[in-house]
PDB file of all heavy atoms in Angstrom:
ATOM      1  N   VAL A   1       2.567  -5.987 -29.749  1.00  0.00           N
ATOM      2  CA  VAL A   1       1.528  -4.965 -29.631  1.00  0.00           C
ATOM      3  C   VAL A   1       1.925  -3.763 -30.489  1.00  0.00           C
ATOM      4  O   VAL A   1       2.985  -3.154 -30.267  1.00  0.00           O
ATOM      5  CB  VAL A   1       1.340  -4.518 -28.163  1.00  0.00           C
ATOM      6  CG1 VAL A   1       0.313  -3.397 -28.075  1.00  0.00           C
ATOM      7  CG2 VAL A   1       0.911  -5.690 -27.290  1.00  0.00           C
ATOM      8  N   ASP A   2       1.088  -3.455 -31.474  1.00  0.00           N
ATOM      9  CA  ASP A   2       1.302  -2.271 -32.325  1.00  0.00           C
ATOM     10  C   ASP A   2       2.713  -2.234 -32.910  1.00  0.00           C
ATOM     11  O   ASP A   2       3.390  -1.199 -32.908  1.00  0.00           O
ATOM     12  CB  ASP A   2       1.025  -0.980 -31.532  1.00  0.00           C
ATOM     13  CG  ASP A   2      -0.408  -0.901 -31.022  1.00  0.00           C
ATOM     14  OD1 ASP A   2      -1.306  -1.458 -31.687  1.00  0.00           O
ATOM     15  OD2 ASP A   2      -0.625  -0.302 -29.951  1.00  0.00           O
ATOM     16  N   GLY A   3       3.164  -3.381 -33.395  1.00  0.00           N
ATOM     17  CA  GLY A   3       4.463  -3.442 -34.042  1.00  0.00           C
ATOM     18  C   GLY A   3       5.648  -3.525 -33.104  1.00  0.00           C
ATOM     19  O   GLY A   3       6.796  -3.554 -33.554  1.00  0.00           O
ATOM     20  N   GLN A   4       5.394  -3.550 -31.793  1.00  0.00           N
ATOM     21  CA  GLN A   4       6.468  -3.670 -30.811  1.00  0.00           C
ATOM     22  C   GLN A   4       6.355  -4.986 -30.054  1.00  0.00           C
ATOM     23  O   GLN A   4       5.264  -5.540 -29.928  1.00  0.00           O
ATOM     24  CB  GLN A   4       6.406  -2.515 -29.814  1.00  0.00           C
ATOM     25  CG  GLN A   4       6.686  -1.144 -30.399  1.00  0.00           C
ATOM     26  CD  GLN A   4       6.702  -0.084 -29.326  1.00  0.00           C
ATOM     27  OE1 GLN A   4       5.844  -0.049 -28.451  1.00  0.00           O
ATOM     28  NE2 GLN A   4       7.694   0.796 -29.376  1.00  0.00           N
ATOM     29  N   THR A   5       7.476  -5.465 -29.552  1.00  0.00           N
ATOM     30  CA  THR A   5       7.480  -6.659 -28.711  1.00  0.00           C
ATOM     31  C   THR A   5       7.494  -6.214 -27.255  1.00  0.00           C
ATOM     32  O   THR A   5       8.453  -5.564 -26.801  1.00  0.00           O
ATOM     33  CB  THR A   5       8.707  -7.543 -29.001  1.00  0.00           C
ATOM     34  OG1 THR A   5       8.652  -7.976 -30.362  1.00  0.00           O
ATOM     35  CG2 THR A   5       8.718  -8.758 -28.081  1.00  0.00           C
ATOM     36  N   ILE A   6       6.424  -6.531 -26.527  1.00  0.00           N
ATOM     37  CA  ILE A   6       6.307  -6.129 -25.127  1.00  0.00           C
ATOM     38  C   ILE A   6       6.946  -7.184 -24.245  1.00  0.00           C
ATOM     39  O   ILE A   6       6.582  -8.367 -24.298  1.00  0.00           O
ATOM     40  CB  ILE A   6       4.829  -5.928 -24.728  1.00  0.00           C
ATOM     41  CG1 ILE A   6       4.172  -4.873 -25.615  1.00  0.00           C
ATOM     42  CG2 ILE A   6       4.725  -5.541 -23.254  1.00  0.00           C
ATOM     43  CD1 ILE A   6       4.797  -3.504 -25.552  1.00  0.00           C
ATOM     44  N   ARG A   7       7.903  -6.742 -23.436  1.00  0.00           N
ATOM     45  CA  ARG A   7       8.540  -7.606 -22.441  1.00  0.00           C
ATOM     46  C   ARG A   7       8.152  -7.108 -21.060  1.00  0.00           C
ATOM     47  O   ARG A   7       7.989  -5.903 -20.854  1.00  0.00           O
ATOM     48  CB  ARG A   7      10.064  -7.604 -22.603  1.00  0.00           C
ATOM     49  CG  ARG A   7      10.511  -8.082 -23.973  1.00  0.00           C
ATOM     50  CD  ARG A   7      12.020  -8.074 -24.146  1.00  0.00           C
ATOM     51  NE  ARG A   7      12.375  -8.462 -25.490  1.00  0.00           N
ATOM     52  CZ  ARG A   7      12.494  -9.728 -25.921  1.00  0.00           C
ATOM     53  NH1 ARG A   7      12.292 -10.711 -25.041  1.00  0.00           N
ATOM     54  NH2 ARG A   7      12.807  -9.999 -27.160  1.00  0.00           N
ATOM     55  N   PHE A   8       8.032  -8.026 -20.108  1.00  0.00           N
ATOM     56  CA  PHE A   8       7.482  -7.680 -18.802  1.00  0.00           C
ATOM     57  C   PHE A   8       8.545  -7.662 -17.723  1.00  0.00           C
ATOM     58  O   PHE A   8       9.418  -8.542 -17.659  1.00  0.00           O
ATOM     59  CB  PHE A   8       6.364  -8.660 -18.434  1.00  0.00           C
ATOM     60  CG  PHE A   8       5.220  -8.627 -19.413  1.00  0.00           C
ATOM     61  CD1 PHE A   8       5.062  -9.640 -20.350  1.00  0.00           C
ATOM     62  CD2 PHE A   8       4.323  -7.571 -19.421  1.00  0.00           C
ATOM     63  CE1 PHE A   8       4.020  -9.608 -21.263  1.00  0.00           C
ATOM     64  CE2 PHE A   8       3.278  -7.519 -20.330  1.00  0.00           C
ATOM     65  CZ  PHE A   8       3.127  -8.536 -21.250  1.00  0.00           C
ATOM     66  N   ASP A   9       8.428  -6.642 -16.849  1.00  0.00           N
ATOM     67  CA  ASP A   9       9.359  -6.519 -15.729  1.00  0.00           C
ATOM     68  C   ASP A   9       8.926  -7.368 -14.540  1.00  0.00           C
ATOM     69  O   ASP A   9       9.764  -7.761 -13.717  1.00  0.00           O
ATOM     70  CB  ASP A   9       9.451  -5.054 -15.293  1.00  0.00           C
ATOM     71  CG  ASP A   9      10.049  -4.171 -16.380  1.00  0.00           C
ATOM     72  OD1 ASP A   9      11.183  -4.459 -16.808  1.00  0.00           O
ATOM     73  OD2 ASP A   9       9.374  -3.211 -16.808  1.00  0.00           O
ATOM     74  N   ALA A  10       7.642  -7.638 -14.408  1.00  0.00           N
ATOM     75  CA  ALA A  10       7.119  -8.453 -13.305  1.00  0.00           C
ATOM     76  C   ALA A  10       5.721  -8.928 -13.672  1.00  0.00           C
ATOM     77  O   ALA A  10       5.088  -8.397 -14.596  1.00  0.00           O
ATOM     78  CB  ALA A  10       7.083  -7.658 -11.995  1.00  0.00           C
ATOM     79  N   VAL A  11       5.255  -9.910 -12.920  1.00  0.00           N
ATOM     80  CA  VAL A  11       3.935 -10.504 -13.159  1.00  0.00           C
ATOM     81  C   VAL A  11       3.103 -10.410 -11.894  1.00  0.00           C
ATOM     82  O   VAL A  11       3.559 -10.775 -10.805  1.00  0.00           O
ATOM     83  CB  VAL A  11       4.052 -11.983 -13.596  1.00  0.00           C
ATOM     84  CG1 VAL A  11       2.672 -12.580 -13.834  1.00  0.00           C
ATOM     85  CG2 VAL A  11       4.919 -12.114 -14.835  1.00  0.00           C
ATOM     86  N   LEU A  12       1.889  -9.898 -12.050  1.00  0.00           N
ATOM     87  CA  LEU A  12       0.902  -9.882 -10.966  1.00  0.00           C
ATOM     88  C   LEU A  12      -0.006 -11.075 -11.189  1.00  0.00           C
ATOM     89  O   LEU A  12      -0.759 -11.122 -12.165  1.00  0.00           O
ATOM     90  CB  LEU A  12       0.115  -8.567 -10.992  1.00  0.00           C
ATOM     91  CG  LEU A  12      -1.058  -8.393 -10.026  1.00  0.00           C
ATOM     92  CD1 LEU A  12      -0.621  -8.594  -8.581  1.00  0.00           C
ATOM     93  CD2 LEU A  12      -1.690  -7.020 -10.201  1.00  0.00           C
ATOM     94  N   ILE A  13       0.091 -12.055 -10.306  1.00  0.00           N
ATOM     95  CA  ILE A  13      -0.639 -13.315 -10.512  1.00  0.00           C
ATOM     96  C   ILE A  13      -2.017 -13.240  -9.878  1.00  0.00           C
ATOM     97  O   ILE A  13      -2.150 -13.017  -8.670  1.00  0.00           O
ATOM     98  CB  ILE A  13       0.165 -14.507  -9.960  1.00  0.00           C
ATOM     99  CG1 ILE A  13       1.446 -14.675 -10.795  1.00  0.00           C
ATOM    100  CG2 ILE A  13      -0.673 -15.790  -9.990  1.00  0.00           C
ATOM    101  CD1 ILE A  13       2.317 -15.840 -10.398  1.00  0.00           C
ATOM    102  N   GLY A  14      -3.051 -13.448 -10.713  1.00  0.00           N
ATOM    103  CA  GLY A  14      -4.436 -13.438 -10.241  1.00  0.00           C
ATOM    104  C   GLY A  14      -5.188 -14.686 -10.626  1.00  0.00           C
ATOM    105  O   GLY A  14      -6.418 -14.647 -10.769  1.00  0.00           O
ATOM    106  N   ILE A  15      -4.480 -15.799 -10.815  1.00  0.00           N
ATOM    107  CA  ILE A  15      -5.122 -17.059 -11.204  1.00  0.00           C
ATOM    108  C   ILE A  15      -5.294 -17.938  -9.977  1.00  0.00           C
ATOM    109  O   ILE A  15      -4.322 -18.304  -9.316  1.00  0.00           O
ATOM    110  CB  ILE A  15      -4.296 -17.805 -12.267  1.00  0.00           C
ATOM    111  CG1 ILE A  15      -4.297 -17.021 -13.577  1.00  0.00           C
ATOM    112  CG2 ILE A  15      -4.851 -19.205 -12.493  1.00  0.00           C
ATOM    113  CD1 ILE A  15      -3.482 -17.672 -14.677  1.00  0.00           C
ATOM    114  N   HIS A  16      -6.535 -18.294  -9.685  1.00  0.00           N
ATOM    115  CA  HIS A  16      -6.838 -19.258  -8.625  1.00  0.00           C
ATOM    116  C   HIS A  16      -6.874 -20.650  -9.243  1.00  0.00           C
ATOM    117  O   HIS A  16      -7.409 -20.845 -10.337  1.00  0.00           O
ATOM    118  CB  HIS A  16      -8.180 -18.933  -7.977  1.00  0.00           C
ATOM    119  CG  HIS A  16      -8.308 -17.494  -7.569  1.00  0.00           C
ATOM    120  ND1 HIS A  16      -7.460 -16.908  -6.647  1.00  0.00           N
ATOM    121  CD2 HIS A  16      -9.157 -16.515  -7.972  1.00  0.00           C
ATOM    122  CE1 HIS A  16      -7.791 -15.633  -6.499  1.00  0.00           C
ATOM    123  NE2 HIS A  16      -8.815 -15.364  -7.295  1.00  0.00           N
ATOM    124  N   GLY A  17      -6.314 -21.633  -8.537  1.00  0.00           N
ATOM    125  CA  GLY A  17      -6.239 -22.974  -9.108  1.00  0.00           C
ATOM    126  C   GLY A  17      -5.070 -23.088 -10.070  1.00  0.00           C
ATOM    127  O   GLY A  17      -4.202 -22.217 -10.167  1.00  0.00           O
ATOM    128  N   THR A  18      -5.041 -24.184 -10.818  1.00  0.00           N
ATOM    129  CA  THR A  18      -3.954 -24.428 -11.768  1.00  0.00           C
ATOM    130  C   THR A  18      -4.119 -23.542 -13.000  1.00  0.00           C
ATOM    131  O   THR A  18      -5.239 -23.294 -13.430  1.00  0.00           O
ATOM    132  CB  THR A  18      -3.903 -25.919 -12.145  1.00  0.00           C
ATOM    133  OG1 THR A  18      -2.718 -26.186 -12.887  1.00  0.00           O
ATOM    134  CG2 THR A  18      -5.112 -26.357 -12.946  1.00  0.00           C
ATOM    135  N   PRO A  19      -3.030 -23.044 -13.601  1.00  0.00           N
ATOM    136  CA  PRO A  19      -1.617 -23.229 -13.252  1.00  0.00           C
ATOM    137  C   PRO A  19      -1.029 -22.079 -12.428  1.00  0.00           C
ATOM    138  O   PRO A  19       0.185 -22.011 -12.280  1.00  0.00           O
ATOM    139  CB  PRO A  19      -0.959 -23.277 -14.625  1.00  0.00           C
ATOM    140  CG  PRO A  19      -1.741 -22.236 -15.412  1.00  0.00           C
ATOM    141  CD  PRO A  19      -3.172 -22.374 -14.923  1.00  0.00           C
ATOM    142  N   GLY A  20      -1.875 -21.188 -11.889  1.00  0.00           N
ATOM    143  CA  GLY A  20      -1.347 -20.007 -11.227  1.00  0.00           C
ATOM    144  C   GLY A  20      -1.132 -20.129  -9.739  1.00  0.00           C
ATOM    145  O   GLY A  20      -0.454 -19.297  -9.146  1.00  0.00           O
ATOM    146  N   GLU A  21      -1.726 -21.177  -9.119  1.00  0.00           N
ATOM    147  CA  GLU A  21      -1.633 -21.292  -7.664  1.00  0.00           C
ATOM    148  C   GLU A  21      -0.884 -22.540  -7.233  1.00  0.00           C
ATOM    149  O   GLU A  21      -0.615 -22.720  -6.044  1.00  0.00           O
ATOM    150  CB  GLU A  21      -3.051 -21.299  -7.073  1.00  0.00           C
ATOM    151  CG  GLU A  21      -3.120 -20.982  -5.601  1.00  0.00           C
ATOM    152  CD  GLU A  21      -4.547 -20.751  -5.106  1.00  0.00           C
ATOM    153  OE1 GLU A  21      -5.503 -20.893  -5.898  1.00  0.00           O
ATOM    154  OE2 GLU A  21      -4.694 -20.440  -3.919  1.00  0.00           O
ATOM    155  N   ASP A  22      -0.542 -23.397  -8.166  1.00  0.00           N
ATOM    156  CA  ASP A  22       0.070 -24.685  -7.825  1.00  0.00           C
ATOM    157  C   ASP A  22       1.544 -24.770  -8.178  1.00  0.00           C
ATOM    158  O   ASP A  22       2.139 -25.844  -8.132  1.00  0.00           O
ATOM    159  CB  ASP A  22      -0.689 -25.828  -8.514  1.00  0.00           C
ATOM    160  CG  ASP A  22      -0.770 -25.681 -10.029  1.00  0.00           C
ATOM    161  OD1 ASP A  22      -0.222 -24.691 -10.561  1.00  0.00           O
ATOM    162  OD2 ASP A  22      -1.397 -26.546 -10.673  1.00  0.00           O
ATOM    163  N   GLY A  23       2.142 -23.645  -8.561  1.00  0.00           N
ATOM    164  CA  GLY A  23       3.580 -23.622  -8.811  1.00  0.00           C
ATOM    165  C   GLY A  23       3.987 -23.755 -10.263  1.00  0.00           C
ATOM    166  O   GLY A  23       5.148 -23.509 -10.597  1.00  0.00           O
ATOM    167  N   LYS A  24       3.049 -24.116 -11.144  1.00  0.00           N
ATOM    168  CA  LYS A  24       3.420 -24.335 -12.546  1.00  0.00           C
ATOM    169  C   LYS A  24       3.858 -23.032 -13.216  1.00  0.00           C
ATOM    170  O   LYS A  24       4.919 -22.972 -13.854  1.00  0.00           O
ATOM    171  CB  LYS A  24       2.268 -24.978 -13.303  1.00  0.00           C
ATOM    172  CG  LYS A  24       1.944 -26.398 -12.858  1.00  0.00           C
ATOM    173  CD  LYS A  24       0.832 -26.986 -13.717  1.00  0.00           C
ATOM    174  CE  LYS A  24       0.567 -28.461 -13.365  1.00  0.00           C
ATOM    175  NZ  LYS A  24      -0.032 -28.614 -12.044  1.00  0.00           N
ATOM    176  N   LEU A  25       3.058 -21.986 -13.106  1.00  0.00           N
ATOM    177  CA  LEU A  25       3.458 -20.705 -13.696  1.00  0.00           C
ATOM    178  C   LEU A  25       4.685 -20.138 -13.010  1.00  0.00           C
ATOM    179  O   LEU A  25       5.552 -19.537 -13.657  1.00  0.00           O
ATOM    180  CB  LEU A  25       2.308 -19.700 -13.604  1.00  0.00           C
ATOM    181  CG  LEU A  25       1.273 -19.693 -14.721  1.00  0.00           C
ATOM    182  CD1 LEU A  25       0.285 -18.559 -14.501  1.00  0.00           C
ATOM    183  CD2 LEU A  25       1.918 -19.568 -16.094  1.00  0.00           C
ATOM    184  N   GLN A  26       4.768 -20.341 -11.699  1.00  0.00           N
ATOM    185  CA  GLN A  26       5.916 -19.807 -10.962  1.00  0.00           C
ATOM    186  C   GLN A  26       7.220 -20.426 -11.478  1.00  0.00           C
ATOM    187  O   GLN A  26       8.228 -19.724 -11.649  1.00  0.00           O
ATOM    188  CB  GLN A  26       5.737 -20.065  -9.463  1.00  0.00           C
ATOM    189  CG  GLN A  26       4.685 -19.206  -8.801  1.00  0.00           C
ATOM    190  CD  GLN A  26       3.255 -19.699  -8.996  1.00  0.00           C
ATOM    191  OE1 GLN A  26       3.013 -20.715  -9.647  1.00  0.00           O
ATOM    192  NE2 GLN A  26       2.300 -18.977  -8.426  1.00  0.00           N
TER     193      GLN A  26
END
């Protein structure tokens, strides 16, 4: 983003169904 590499401290999961609710993303 804008010449920088954004790294994340945590993830707020808002996906219903696969892959956010079935363990794949986790």
